[in-house]
Amino acid sequence: MSAPSFPRKGEVWYIKIPNQPFDPHQPRTAIVVSRDSRNEHAEDVIAVPTSSSATGYQDVHVVIPAKEGGLPKQSVAKCDQVTTIHKSLLAKGPLGDRIDQDLMWKIHHAIRRALGETKVT
């Protein structure tokens, strides 16, 4: 069975972030958070960028262990920076298997907290 020809939810991809031409970390890794049916048919995907260090609001960052999703080292999913990326800005991926489902739930909850939901645990 061949792999889908579109990014799937929970996959880690290198992305080029628009309007950041001088960012020394381009392209950077990001986790696809939009659902597969949307990813298959839309021209873009919804993603959360990752970083090697947490900054800002810690309750909206999720630690991703090294090797998870193919990430080379421990990273932080910056769920307060959720963004929509045109598929043409996907540079390389997926880096590995999909992120573990429990971690994806933590990412979803952190996105909801970033949007102002107060009843997310």
PDB file of N, CA and C in Angstrom:
ATOM      1  N   MET A   1       0.849  -1.184   0.000  1.00  0.00           N
ATOM      2  CA  MET A   1       0.000   0.000   0.000  1.00  0.00           C
ATOM      3  C   MET A   1       0.891   1.242   0.000  1.00  0.00           C
ATOM      4  N   SER A   2       0.621   2.185  -0.881  1.00  0.00           N
ATOM      5  CA  SER A   2       1.447   3.388  -0.973  1.00  0.00           C
ATOM      6  C   SER A   2       0.976   4.449   0.022  1.00  0.00           C
ATOM      7  N   ALA A   3       1.897   5.333   0.388  1.00  0.00           N
ATOM      8  CA  ALA A   3       1.593   6.411   1.328  1.00  0.00           C
ATOM      9  C   ALA A   3       0.711   7.454   0.652  1.00  0.00           C
ATOM     10  N   PRO A   4      -0.145   8.140   1.432  1.00  0.00           N
ATOM     11  CA  PRO A   4      -0.970   9.205   0.853  1.00  0.00           C
ATOM     12  C   PRO A   4      -0.087  10.300   0.263  1.00  0.00           C
ATOM     13  N   SER A   5      -0.607  10.987  -0.725  1.00  0.00           N
ATOM     14  CA  SER A   5       0.150  12.053  -1.386  1.00  0.00           C
ATOM     15  C   SER A   5      -0.127  13.417  -0.755  1.00  0.00           C
ATOM     16  N   PHE A   6      -0.535  13.404   0.486  1.00  0.00           N
ATOM     17  CA  PHE A   6      -0.811  14.651   1.189  1.00  0.00           C
ATOM     18  C   PHE A   6      -0.324  14.522   2.636  1.00  0.00           C
ATOM     19  N   PRO A   7      -0.035  15.651   3.290  1.00  0.00           N
ATOM     20  CA  PRO A   7       0.382  15.606   4.693  1.00  0.00           C
ATOM     21  C   PRO A   7      -0.753  15.095   5.575  1.00  0.00           C
ATOM     22  N   ARG A   8      -0.402  14.302   6.556  1.00  0.00           N
ATOM     23  CA  ARG A   8      -1.415  13.740   7.446  1.00  0.00           C
ATOM     24  C   ARG A   8      -1.291  14.318   8.848  1.00  0.00           C
ATOM     25  N   LYS A   9      -2.425  14.368   9.534  1.00  0.00           N
ATOM     26  CA  LYS A   9      -2.464  14.876  10.902  1.00  0.00           C
ATOM     27  C   LYS A   9      -1.463  14.114  11.756  1.00  0.00           C
ATOM     28  N   GLY A  10      -0.674  14.869  12.526  1.00  0.00           N
ATOM     29  CA  GLY A  10       0.301  14.260  13.422  1.00  0.00           C
ATOM     30  C   GLY A  10       1.675  14.071  12.809  1.00  0.00           C
ATOM     31  N   GLU A  11       1.817  14.348  11.509  1.00  0.00           N
ATOM     32  CA  GLU A  11       3.125  14.228  10.877  1.00  0.00           C
ATOM     33  C   GLU A  11       3.946  15.497  11.126  1.00  0.00           C
ATOM     34  N   VAL A  12       5.265  15.320  11.174  1.00  0.00           N
ATOM     35  CA  VAL A  12       6.188  16.448  11.312  1.00  0.00           C
ATOM     36  C   VAL A  12       6.788  16.731   9.934  1.00  0.00           C
ATOM     37  N   TRP A  13       6.738  17.981   9.527  1.00  0.00           N
ATOM     38  CA  TRP A  13       7.271  18.427   8.240  1.00  0.00           C
ATOM     39  C   TRP A  13       8.176  19.623   8.468  1.00  0.00           C
ATOM     40  N   TYR A  14       9.162  19.791   7.586  1.00  0.00           N
ATOM     41  CA  TYR A  14       9.893  21.051   7.519  1.00  0.00           C
ATOM     42  C   TYR A  14       9.045  22.002   6.694  1.00  0.00           C
ATOM     43  N   ILE A  15       8.830  23.217   7.218  1.00  0.00           N
ATOM     44  CA  ILE A  15       8.024  24.215   6.513  1.00  0.00           C
ATOM     45  C   ILE A  15       8.825  25.505   6.351  1.00  0.00           C
ATOM     46  N   LYS A  16       8.486  26.235   5.297  1.00  0.00           N
ATOM     47  CA  LYS A  16       9.038  27.568   5.088  1.00  0.00           C
ATOM     48  C   LYS A  16       7.989  28.553   5.573  1.00  0.00           C
ATOM     49  N   ILE A  17       8.344  29.374   6.535  1.00  0.00           N
ATOM     50  CA  ILE A  17       7.389  30.323   7.089  1.00  0.00           C
ATOM     51  C   ILE A  17       7.438  31.606   6.271  1.00  0.00           C
ATOM     52  N   PRO A  18       6.304  32.004   5.676  1.00  0.00           N
ATOM     53  CA  PRO A  18       6.308  33.215   4.849  1.00  0.00           C
ATOM     54  C   PRO A  18       6.618  34.459   5.682  1.00  0.00           C
ATOM     55  N   ASN A  19       7.140  35.467   5.019  1.00  0.00           N
ATOM     56  CA  ASN A  19       7.473  36.752   5.635  1.00  0.00           C
ATOM     57  C   ASN A  19       8.570  36.644   6.681  1.00  0.00           C
ATOM     58  N   GLN A  20       9.343  35.547   6.648  1.00  0.00           N
ATOM     59  CA  GLN A  20      10.466  35.371   7.570  1.00  0.00           C
ATOM     60  C   GLN A  20      11.740  35.042   6.799  1.00  0.00           C
ATOM     61  N   PRO A  21      12.081  35.817   5.758  1.00  0.00           N
ATOM     62  CA  PRO A  21      13.211  35.451   4.898  1.00  0.00           C
ATOM     63  C   PRO A  21      14.561  35.444   5.606  1.00  0.00           C
ATOM     64  N   PHE A  22      14.690  36.170   6.708  1.00  0.00           N
ATOM     65  CA  PHE A  22      15.977  36.243   7.397  1.00  0.00           C
ATOM     66  C   PHE A  22      16.034  35.374   8.643  1.00  0.00           C
ATOM     67  N   ASP A  23      14.995  34.600   8.896  1.00  0.00           N
ATOM     68  CA  ASP A  23      14.991  33.683  10.034  1.00  0.00           C
ATOM     69  C   ASP A  23      16.054  32.617   9.794  1.00  0.00           C
ATOM     70  N   PRO A  24      17.051  32.511  10.673  1.00  0.00           N
ATOM     71  CA  PRO A  24      18.123  31.531  10.452  1.00  0.00           C
ATOM     72  C   PRO A  24      17.664  30.085  10.634  1.00  0.00           C
ATOM     73  N   HIS A  25      16.448  29.897  11.122  1.00  0.00           N
ATOM     74  CA  HIS A  25      15.934  28.553  11.354  1.00  0.00           C
ATOM     75  C   HIS A  25      14.992  28.087  10.253  1.00  0.00           C
ATOM     76  N   GLN A  26      15.065  28.700   9.080  1.00  0.00           N
ATOM     77  CA  GLN A  26      14.207  28.311   7.954  1.00  0.00           C
ATOM     78  C   GLN A  26      14.867  27.192   7.173  1.00  0.00           C
ATOM     79  N   PRO A  27      14.188  26.213   6.672  1.00  0.00           N
ATOM     80  CA  PRO A  27      12.835  25.892   7.119  1.00  0.00           C
ATOM     81  C   PRO A  27      12.870  25.303   8.526  1.00  0.00           C
ATOM     82  N   ARG A  28      11.747  25.358   9.207  1.00  0.00           N
ATOM     83  CA  ARG A  28      11.667  24.830  10.567  1.00  0.00           C
ATOM     84  C   ARG A  28      10.633  23.712  10.612  1.00  0.00           C
ATOM     85  N   THR A  29      10.707  22.921  11.664  1.00  0.00           N
ATOM     86  CA  THR A  29       9.765  21.806  11.780  1.00  0.00           C
ATOM     87  C   THR A  29       8.428  22.296  12.321  1.00  0.00           C
ATOM     88  N   ALA A  30       7.390  21.593  11.908  1.00  0.00           N
ATOM     89  CA  ALA A  30       6.037  21.883  12.372  1.00  0.00           C
ATOM     90  C   ALA A  30       5.237  20.582  12.363  1.00  0.00           C
ATOM     91  N   ILE A  31       4.235  20.533  13.213  1.00  0.00           N
ATOM     92  CA  ILE A  31       3.358  19.366  13.323  1.00  0.00           C
ATOM     93  C   ILE A  31       2.033  19.704  12.657  1.00  0.00           C
ATOM     94  N   VAL A  32       1.615  18.879  11.721  1.00  0.00           N
ATOM     95  CA  VAL A  32       0.325  19.072  11.053  1.00  0.00           C
ATOM     96  C   VAL A  32      -0.781  18.725  12.054  1.00  0.00           C
ATOM     97  N   VAL A  33      -1.726  19.656  12.258  1.00  0.00           N
ATOM     98  CA  VAL A  33      -2.812  19.420  13.215  1.00  0.00           C
ATOM     99  C   VAL A  33      -4.191  19.359  12.550  1.00  0.00           C
ATOM    100  N   SER A  34      -4.286  19.731  11.290  1.00  0.00           N
ATOM    101  CA  SER A  34      -5.582  19.651  10.606  1.00  0.00           C
ATOM    102  C   SER A  34      -5.893  18.202  10.236  1.00  0.00           C
ATOM    103  N   ARG A  35      -7.182  17.907  10.131  1.00  0.00           N
ATOM    104  CA  ARG A  35      -7.609  16.518   9.889  1.00  0.00           C
ATOM    105  C   ARG A  35      -7.275  16.077   8.457  1.00  0.00           C
ATOM    106  N   ASP A  36      -7.112  14.777   8.293  1.00  0.00           N
ATOM    107  CA  ASP A  36      -6.676  14.223   7.014  1.00  0.00           C
ATOM    108  C   ASP A  36      -7.607  14.565   5.858  1.00  0.00           C
ATOM    109  N   SER A  37      -8.924  14.525   6.075  1.00  0.00           N
ATOM    110  CA  SER A  37      -9.845  14.810   4.972  1.00  0.00           C
ATOM    111  C   SER A  37      -9.662  16.246   4.476  1.00  0.00           C
ATOM    112  N   ARG A  38      -9.379  17.169   5.378  1.00  0.00           N
ATOM    113  CA  ARG A  38      -9.104  18.550   4.977  1.00  0.00           C
ATOM    114  C   ARG A  38      -7.763  18.620   4.261  1.00  0.00           C
ATOM    115  N   ASN A  39      -6.753  17.943   4.812  1.00  0.00           N
ATOM    116  CA  ASN A  39      -5.411  17.992   4.230  1.00  0.00           C
ATOM    117  C   ASN A  39      -5.388  17.445   2.805  1.00  0.00           C
ATOM    118  N   GLU A  40      -6.210  16.452   2.550  1.00  0.00           N
ATOM    119  CA  GLU A  40      -6.247  15.846   1.219  1.00  0.00           C
ATOM    120  C   GLU A  40      -6.796  16.802   0.168  1.00  0.00           C
ATOM    121  N   HIS A  41      -7.794  17.603   0.522  1.00  0.00           N
ATOM    122  CA  HIS A  41      -8.509  18.401  -0.474  1.00  0.00           C
ATOM    123  C   HIS A  41      -8.174  19.894  -0.463  1.00  0.00           C
ATOM    124  N   ALA A  42      -7.685  20.410   0.645  1.00  0.00           N
ATOM    125  CA  ALA A  42      -7.373  21.849   0.722  1.00  0.00           C
ATOM    126  C   ALA A  42      -6.001  22.128   0.122  1.00  0.00           C
ATOM    127  N   GLU A  43      -5.766  23.378  -0.206  1.00  0.00           N
ATOM    128  CA  GLU A  43      -4.467  23.789  -0.743  1.00  0.00           C
ATOM    129  C   GLU A  43      -3.463  24.091   0.358  1.00  0.00           C
ATOM    130  N   ASP A  44      -3.913  24.030   1.622  1.00  0.00           N
ATOM    131  CA  ASP A  44      -3.046  24.332   2.745  1.00  0.00           C
ATOM    132  C   ASP A  44      -3.299  23.353   3.880  1.00  0.00           C
ATOM    133  N   VAL A  45      -2.447  23.428   4.896  1.00  0.00           N
ATOM    134  CA  VAL A  45      -2.611  22.616   6.097  1.00  0.00           C
ATOM    135  C   VAL A  45      -2.499  23.536   7.307  1.00  0.00           C
ATOM    136  N   ILE A  46      -3.079  23.111   8.405  1.00  0.00           N
ATOM    137  CA  ILE A  46      -2.949  23.841   9.663  1.00  0.00           C
ATOM    138  C   ILE A  46      -1.847  23.144  10.442  1.00  0.00           C
ATOM    139  N   ALA A  47      -0.896  23.935  10.945  1.00  0.00           N
ATOM    140  CA  ALA A  47       0.266  23.354  11.606  1.00  0.00           C
ATOM    141  C   ALA A  47       0.680  24.172  12.824  1.00  0.00           C
ATOM    142  N   VAL A  48       1.408  23.502  13.713  1.00  0.00           N
ATOM    143  CA  VAL A  48       1.982  24.128  14.894  1.00  0.00           C
ATOM    144  C   VAL A  48       3.497  24.031  14.762  1.00  0.00           C
ATOM    145  N   PRO A  49       4.197  25.169  14.760  1.00  0.00           N
ATOM    146  CA  PRO A  49       5.655  25.111  14.652  1.00  0.00           C
ATOM    147  C   PRO A  49       6.287  24.544  15.916  1.00  0.00           C
ATOM    148  N   THR A  50       7.463  23.981  15.756  1.00  0.00           N
ATOM    149  CA  THR A  50       8.200  23.468  16.909  1.00  0.00           C
ATOM    150  C   THR A  50       9.485  24.267  17.076  1.00  0.00           C
ATOM    151  N   SER A  51      10.023  24.187  18.274  1.00  0.00           N
ATOM    152  CA  SER A  51      11.254  24.894  18.605  1.00  0.00           C
ATOM    153  C   SER A  51      12.059  24.027  19.557  1.00  0.00           C
ATOM    154  N   SER A  52      13.332  24.335  19.682  1.00  0.00           N
ATOM    155  CA  SER A  52      14.164  23.570  20.606  1.00  0.00           C
ATOM    156  C   SER A  52      14.039  24.083  22.036  1.00  0.00           C
ATOM    157  N   SER A  53      13.393  25.236  22.218  1.00  0.00           N
ATOM    158  CA  SER A  53      13.234  25.772  23.570  1.00  0.00           C
ATOM    159  C   SER A  53      11.872  26.441  23.718  1.00  0.00           C
ATOM    160  N   ALA A  54      11.360  26.388  24.939  1.00  0.00           N
ATOM    161  CA  ALA A  54      10.078  27.010  25.242  1.00  0.00           C
ATOM    162  C   ALA A  54      10.301  28.474  25.610  1.00  0.00           C
ATOM    163  N   THR A  55       9.457  29.325  25.077  1.00  0.00           N
ATOM    164  CA  THR A  55       9.464  30.739  25.437  1.00  0.00           C
ATOM    165  C   THR A  55       8.017  31.176  25.517  1.00  0.00           C
ATOM    166  N   GLY A  56       7.736  32.186  26.271  1.00  0.00           N
ATOM    167  CA  GLY A  56       6.370  32.695  26.330  1.00  0.00           C
ATOM    168  C   GLY A  56       5.508  31.937  27.316  1.00  0.00           C
ATOM    169  N   TYR A  57       4.322  31.634  26.924  1.00  0.00           N
ATOM    170  CA  TYR A  57       3.324  31.031  27.803  1.00  0.00           C
ATOM    171  C   TYR A  57       3.492  29.512  27.848  1.00  0.00           C
ATOM    172  N   GLN A  58       3.999  29.015  28.942  1.00  0.00           N
ATOM    173  CA  GLN A  58       4.314  27.600  29.066  1.00  0.00           C
ATOM    174  C   GLN A  58       3.080  26.696  29.002  1.00  0.00           C
ATOM    175  N   ASP A  59       1.912  27.199  29.397  1.00  0.00           N
ATOM    176  CA  ASP A  59       0.724  26.338  29.402  1.00  0.00           C
ATOM    177  C   ASP A  59       0.180  26.068  27.998  1.00  0.00           C
ATOM    178  N   VAL A  60       0.763  26.705  26.989  1.00  0.00           N
ATOM    179  CA  VAL A  60       0.340  26.461  25.608  1.00  0.00           C
ATOM    180  C   VAL A  60       1.469  25.845  24.784  1.00  0.00           C
ATOM    181  N   HIS A  61       2.484  25.345  25.459  1.00  0.00           N
ATOM    182  CA  HIS A  61       3.584  24.633  24.809  1.00  0.00           C
ATOM    183  C   HIS A  61       3.560  23.180  25.259  1.00  0.00           C
ATOM    184  N   VAL A  62       3.833  22.273  24.326  1.00  0.00           N
ATOM    185  CA  VAL A  62       3.832  20.842  24.623  1.00  0.00           C
ATOM    186  C   VAL A  62       5.211  20.286  24.276  1.00  0.00           C
ATOM    187  N   VAL A  63       5.839  19.623  25.237  1.00  0.00           N
ATOM    188  CA  VAL A  63       7.155  19.026  25.014  1.00  0.00           C
ATOM    189  C   VAL A  63       6.987  17.754  24.192  1.00  0.00           C
ATOM    190  N   ILE A  64       7.750  17.650  23.124  1.00  0.00           N
ATOM    191  CA  ILE A  64       7.743  16.482  22.253  1.00  0.00           C
ATOM    192  C   ILE A  64       9.104  15.797  22.397  1.00  0.00           C
ATOM    193  N   PRO A  65       9.130  14.545  22.859  1.00  0.00           N
ATOM    194  CA  PRO A  65      10.417  13.860  23.058  1.00  0.00           C
ATOM    195  C   PRO A  65      11.179  13.661  21.747  1.00  0.00           C
ATOM    196  N   ALA A  66      12.488  13.567  21.864  1.00  0.00           N
ATOM    197  CA  ALA A  66      13.333  13.276  20.705  1.00  0.00           C
ATOM    198  C   ALA A  66      12.863  11.998  20.046  1.00  0.00           C
ATOM    199  N   LYS A  67      12.946  11.937  18.736  1.00  0.00           N
ATOM    200  CA  LYS A  67      12.578  10.810  17.878  1.00  0.00           C
ATOM    201  C   LYS A  67      11.071  10.728  17.610  1.00  0.00           C
ATOM    202  N   GLU A  68      10.245  11.342  18.453  1.00  0.00           N
ATOM    203  CA  GLU A  68       8.795  11.312  18.230  1.00  0.00           C
ATOM    204  C   GLU A  68       8.482  12.051  16.937  1.00  0.00           C
ATOM    205  N   GLY A  69       7.762  11.418  16.037  1.00  0.00           N
ATOM    206  CA  GLY A  69       7.413  12.031  14.760  1.00  0.00           C
ATOM    207  C   GLY A  69       8.602  12.243  13.842  1.00  0.00           C
ATOM    208  N   GLY A  70       9.765  11.722  14.243  1.00  0.00           N
ATOM    209  CA  GLY A  70      10.973  11.903  13.456  1.00  0.00           C
ATOM    210  C   GLY A  70      11.787  13.123  13.856  1.00  0.00           C
ATOM    211  N   LEU A  71      11.360  13.816  14.917  1.00  0.00           N
ATOM    212  CA  LEU A  71      12.124  14.983  15.373  1.00  0.00           C
ATOM    213  C   LEU A  71      13.494  14.536  15.872  1.00  0.00           C
ATOM    214  N   PRO A  72      14.563  15.204  15.448  1.00  0.00           N
ATOM    215  CA  PRO A  72      15.906  14.766  15.814  1.00  0.00           C
ATOM    216  C   PRO A  72      16.243  14.960  17.285  1.00  0.00           C
ATOM    217  N   LYS A  73      15.609  15.941  17.944  1.00  0.00           N
ATOM    218  CA  LYS A  73      15.876  16.175  19.360  1.00  0.00           C
ATOM    219  C   LYS A  73      14.594  16.628  20.045  1.00  0.00           C
ATOM    220  N   GLN A  74      14.623  16.637  21.382  1.00  0.00           N
ATOM    221  CA  GLN A  74      13.448  17.095  22.114  1.00  0.00           C
ATOM    222  C   GLN A  74      13.061  18.483  21.628  1.00  0.00           C
ATOM    223  N   SER A  75      11.776  18.675  21.417  1.00  0.00           N
ATOM    224  CA  SER A  75      11.273  19.936  20.883  1.00  0.00           C
ATOM    225  C   SER A  75      10.044  20.380  21.656  1.00  0.00           C
ATOM    226  N   VAL A  76       9.612  21.589  21.369  1.00  0.00           N
ATOM    227  CA  VAL A  76       8.417  22.143  21.991  1.00  0.00           C
ATOM    228  C   VAL A  76       7.449  22.543  20.884  1.00  0.00           C
ATOM    229  N   ALA A  77       6.226  22.026  20.951  1.00  0.00           N
ATOM    230  CA  ALA A  77       5.175  22.441  20.024  1.00  0.00           C
ATOM    231  C   ALA A  77       4.612  23.758  20.548  1.00  0.00           C
ATOM    232  N   LYS A  78       4.756  24.817  19.761  1.00  0.00           N
ATOM    233  CA  LYS A  78       4.319  26.150  20.171  1.00  0.00           C
ATOM    234  C   LYS A  78       2.872  26.367  19.723  1.00  0.00           C
ATOM    235  N   CYS A  79       1.960  25.903  20.563  1.00  0.00           N
ATOM    236  CA  CYS A  79       0.545  25.868  20.200  1.00  0.00           C
ATOM    237  C   CYS A  79      -0.111  27.242  20.191  1.00  0.00           C
ATOM    238  N   ASP A  80       0.601  28.264  20.658  1.00  0.00           N
ATOM    239  CA  ASP A  80       0.093  29.634  20.552  1.00  0.00           C
ATOM    240  C   ASP A  80       0.490  30.262  19.228  1.00  0.00           C
ATOM    241  N   GLN A  81       1.166  29.487  18.363  1.00  0.00           N
ATOM    242  CA  GLN A  81       1.574  29.991  17.051  1.00  0.00           C
ATOM    243  C   GLN A  81       0.985  29.129  15.932  1.00  0.00           C
ATOM    244  N   VAL A  82      -0.165  28.529  16.175  1.00  0.00           N
ATOM    245  CA  VAL A  82      -0.831  27.718  15.157  1.00  0.00           C
ATOM    246  C   VAL A  82      -1.017  28.569  13.902  1.00  0.00           C
ATOM    247  N   THR A  83      -0.775  27.966  12.731  1.00  0.00           N
ATOM    248  CA  THR A  83      -0.808  28.731  11.494  1.00  0.00           C
ATOM    249  C   THR A  83      -1.301  27.868  10.341  1.00  0.00           C
ATOM    250  N   THR A  84      -1.714  28.518   9.290  1.00  0.00           N
ATOM    251  CA  THR A  84      -2.098  27.832   8.062  1.00  0.00           C
ATOM    252  C   THR A  84      -0.974  28.029   7.058  1.00  0.00           C
ATOM    253  N   ILE A  85      -0.504  26.926   6.487  1.00  0.00           N
ATOM    254  CA  ILE A  85       0.626  26.951   5.558  1.00  0.00           C
ATOM    255  C   ILE A  85       0.190  26.363   4.218  1.00  0.00           C
ATOM    256  N   HIS A  86       0.399  27.123   3.131  1.00  0.00           N
ATOM    257  CA  HIS A  86       0.115  26.602   1.802  1.00  0.00           C
ATOM    258  C   HIS A  86       1.018  25.397   1.556  1.00  0.00           C
ATOM    259  N   LYS A  87       0.503  24.389   0.901  1.00  0.00           N
ATOM    260  CA  LYS A  87       1.278  23.169   0.671  1.00  0.00           C
ATOM    261  C   LYS A  87       2.576  23.424  -0.087  1.00  0.00           C
ATOM    262  N   SER A  88       2.641  24.492  -0.856  1.00  0.00           N
ATOM    263  CA  SER A  88       3.876  24.798  -1.579  1.00  0.00           C
ATOM    264  C   SER A  88       5.008  25.196  -0.629  1.00  0.00           C
ATOM    265  N   LEU A  89       4.670  25.535   0.619  1.00  0.00           N
ATOM    266  CA  LEU A  89       5.673  25.911   1.613  1.00  0.00           C
ATOM    267  C   LEU A  89       6.130  24.733   2.471  1.00  0.00           C
ATOM    268  N   LEU A  90       5.622  23.539   2.162  1.00  0.00           N
ATOM    269  CA  LEU A  90       6.109  22.333   2.830  1.00  0.00           C
ATOM    270  C   LEU A  90       7.419  21.951   2.155  1.00  0.00           C
ATOM    271  N   ALA A  91       8.505  21.978   2.912  1.00  0.00           N
ATOM    272  CA  ALA A  91       9.825  21.763   2.323  1.00  0.00           C
ATOM    273  C   ALA A  91      10.214  20.287   2.282  1.00  0.00           C
ATOM    274  N   LYS A  92       9.902  19.539   3.331  1.00  0.00           N
ATOM    275  CA  LYS A  92      10.309  18.138   3.394  1.00  0.00           C
ATOM    276  C   LYS A  92       9.499  17.426   4.471  1.00  0.00           C
ATOM    277  N   GLY A  93       9.103  16.210   4.175  1.00  0.00           N
ATOM    278  CA  GLY A  93       8.388  15.440   5.179  1.00  0.00           C
ATOM    279  C   GLY A  93       7.617  14.309   4.551  1.00  0.00           C
ATOM    280  N   PRO A  94       6.989  13.510   5.352  1.00  0.00           N
ATOM    281  CA  PRO A  94       7.086  13.540   6.805  1.00  0.00           C
ATOM    282  C   PRO A  94       8.443  13.024   7.269  1.00  0.00           C
ATOM    283  N   LEU A  95       8.855  13.485   8.461  1.00  0.00           N
ATOM    284  CA  LEU A  95      10.152  13.088   8.994  1.00  0.00           C
ATOM    285  C   LEU A  95      10.125  11.700   9.617  1.00  0.00           C
ATOM    286  N   GLY A  96       8.947  11.228   9.988  1.00  0.00           N
ATOM    287  CA  GLY A  96       8.818   9.917  10.625  1.00  0.00           C
ATOM    288  C   GLY A  96       7.360   9.537  10.737  1.00  0.00           C
ATOM    289  N   ASP A  97       7.069   8.646  11.678  1.00  0.00           N
ATOM    290  CA  ASP A  97       5.686   8.259  11.936  1.00  0.00           C
ATOM    291  C   ASP A  97       4.925   9.432  12.542  1.00  0.00           C
ATOM    292  N   ARG A  98       3.614   9.293  12.602  1.00  0.00           N
ATOM    293  CA  ARG A  98       2.786  10.334  13.213  1.00  0.00           C
ATOM    294  C   ARG A  98       3.087  10.453  14.707  1.00  0.00           C
ATOM    295  N   ILE A  99       2.878  11.665  15.228  1.00  0.00           N
ATOM    296  CA  ILE A  99       3.020  11.919  16.667  1.00  0.00           C
ATOM    297  C   ILE A  99       2.011  11.047  17.415  1.00  0.00           C
ATOM    298  N   ASP A 100       2.423  10.541  18.562  1.00  0.00           N
ATOM    299  CA  ASP A 100       1.568   9.716  19.418  1.00  0.00           C
ATOM    300  C   ASP A 100       0.232  10.417  19.706  1.00  0.00           C
ATOM    301  N   GLN A 101      -0.845   9.650  19.705  1.00  0.00           N
ATOM    302  CA  GLN A 101      -2.195  10.206  19.884  1.00  0.00           C
ATOM    303  C   GLN A 101      -2.341  10.968  21.205  1.00  0.00           C
ATOM    304  N   ASP A 102      -1.736  10.480  22.299  1.00  0.00           N
ATOM    305  CA  ASP A 102      -1.830  11.198  23.579  1.00  0.00           C
ATOM    306  C   ASP A 102      -1.173  12.571  23.488  1.00  0.00           C
ATOM    307  N   LEU A 103      -0.040  12.656  22.802  1.00  0.00           N
ATOM    308  CA  LEU A 103       0.606  13.956  22.611  1.00  0.00           C
ATOM    309  C   LEU A 103      -0.238  14.867  21.722  1.00  0.00           C
ATOM    310  N   MET A 104      -0.891  14.284  20.717  1.00  0.00           N
ATOM    311  CA  MET A 104      -1.753  15.099  19.855  1.00  0.00           C
ATOM    312  C   MET A 104      -2.911  15.692  20.655  1.00  0.00           C
ATOM    313  N   TRP A 105      -3.465  14.929  21.612  1.00  0.00           N
ATOM    314  CA  TRP A 105      -4.536  15.483  22.461  1.00  0.00           C
ATOM    315  C   TRP A 105      -4.005  16.635  23.298  1.00  0.00           C
ATOM    316  N   LYS A 106      -2.767  16.509  23.797  1.00  0.00           N
ATOM    317  CA  LYS A 106      -2.167  17.604  24.566  1.00  0.00           C
ATOM    318  C   LYS A 106      -1.992  18.839  23.683  1.00  0.00           C
ATOM    319  N   ILE A 107      -1.604  18.628  22.445  1.00  0.00           N
ATOM    320  CA  ILE A 107      -1.456  19.748  21.505  1.00  0.00           C
ATOM    321  C   ILE A 107      -2.811  20.408  21.251  1.00  0.00           C
ATOM    322  N   HIS A 108      -3.845  19.603  21.030  1.00  0.00           N
ATOM    323  CA  HIS A 108      -5.193  20.151  20.813  1.00  0.00           C
ATOM    324  C   HIS A 108      -5.638  20.988  22.008  1.00  0.00           C
ATOM    325  N   HIS A 109      -5.425  20.466  23.221  1.00  0.00           N
ATOM    326  CA  HIS A 109      -5.829  21.204  24.421  1.00  0.00           C
ATOM    327  C   HIS A 109      -5.030  22.494  24.568  1.00  0.00           C
ATOM    328  N   ALA A 110      -3.742  22.459  24.234  1.00  0.00           N
ATOM    329  CA  ALA A 110      -2.924  23.665  24.331  1.00  0.00           C
ATOM    330  C   ALA A 110      -3.376  24.719  23.314  1.00  0.00           C
ATOM    331  N   ILE A 111      -3.773  24.288  22.125  1.00  0.00           N
ATOM    332  CA  ILE A 111      -4.315  25.230  21.125  1.00  0.00           C
ATOM    333  C   ILE A 111      -5.578  25.881  21.673  1.00  0.00           C
ATOM    334  N   ARG A 112      -6.443  25.089  22.270  1.00  0.00           N
ATOM    335  CA  ARG A 112      -7.692  25.628  22.838  1.00  0.00           C
ATOM    336  C   ARG A 112      -7.398  26.625  23.960  1.00  0.00           C
ATOM    337  N   ARG A 113      -6.399  26.318  24.800  1.00  0.00           N
ATOM    338  CA  ARG A 113      -6.017  27.267  25.867  1.00  0.00           C
ATOM    339  C   ARG A 113      -5.493  28.570  25.248  1.00  0.00           C
ATOM    340  N   ALA A 114      -4.707  28.447  24.172  1.00  0.00           N
ATOM    341  CA  ALA A 114      -4.169  29.633  23.504  1.00  0.00           C
ATOM    342  C   ALA A 114      -5.284  30.505  22.931  1.00  0.00           C
ATOM    343  N   LEU A 115      -6.391  29.889  22.576  1.00  0.00           N
ATOM    344  CA  LEU A 115      -7.533  30.628  22.024  1.00  0.00           C
ATOM    345  C   LEU A 115      -8.428  31.214  23.110  1.00  0.00           C
ATOM    346  N   GLY A 116      -8.100  30.919  24.369  1.00  0.00           N
ATOM    347  CA  GLY A 116      -8.825  31.537  25.478  1.00  0.00           C
ATOM    348  C   GLY A 116      -9.801  30.638  26.203  1.00  0.00           C
ATOM    349  N   GLU A 117      -9.875  29.375  25.841  1.00  0.00           N
ATOM    350  CA  GLU A 117     -10.765  28.474  26.581  1.00  0.00           C
ATOM    351  C   GLU A 117     -10.206  28.272  27.978  1.00  0.00           C
ATOM    352  N   THR A 118     -11.033  28.406  28.964  1.00  0.00           N
ATOM    353  CA  THR A 118     -10.569  28.295  30.335  1.00  0.00           C
ATOM    354  C   THR A 118     -10.910  26.963  30.988  1.00  0.00           C
ATOM    355  N   LYS A 119     -11.702  26.143  30.329  1.00  0.00           N
ATOM    356  CA  LYS A 119     -12.117  24.867  30.930  1.00  0.00           C
ATOM    357  C   LYS A 119     -11.344  23.691  30.352  1.00  0.00           C
ATOM    358  N   VAL A 120     -10.225  23.957  29.714  1.00  0.00           N
ATOM    359  CA  VAL A 120      -9.401  22.900  29.136  1.00  0.00           C
ATOM    360  C   VAL A 120      -8.416  22.449  30.208  1.00  0.00           C
ATOM    361  N   THR A 121      -8.361  21.135  30.426  1.00  0.00           N
ATOM    362  CA  THR A 121      -7.426  20.617  31.432  1.00  0.00           C
ATOM    363  C   THR A 121      -6.279  19.886  30.780  1.00  0.00           C
TER     364      THR A 121
END
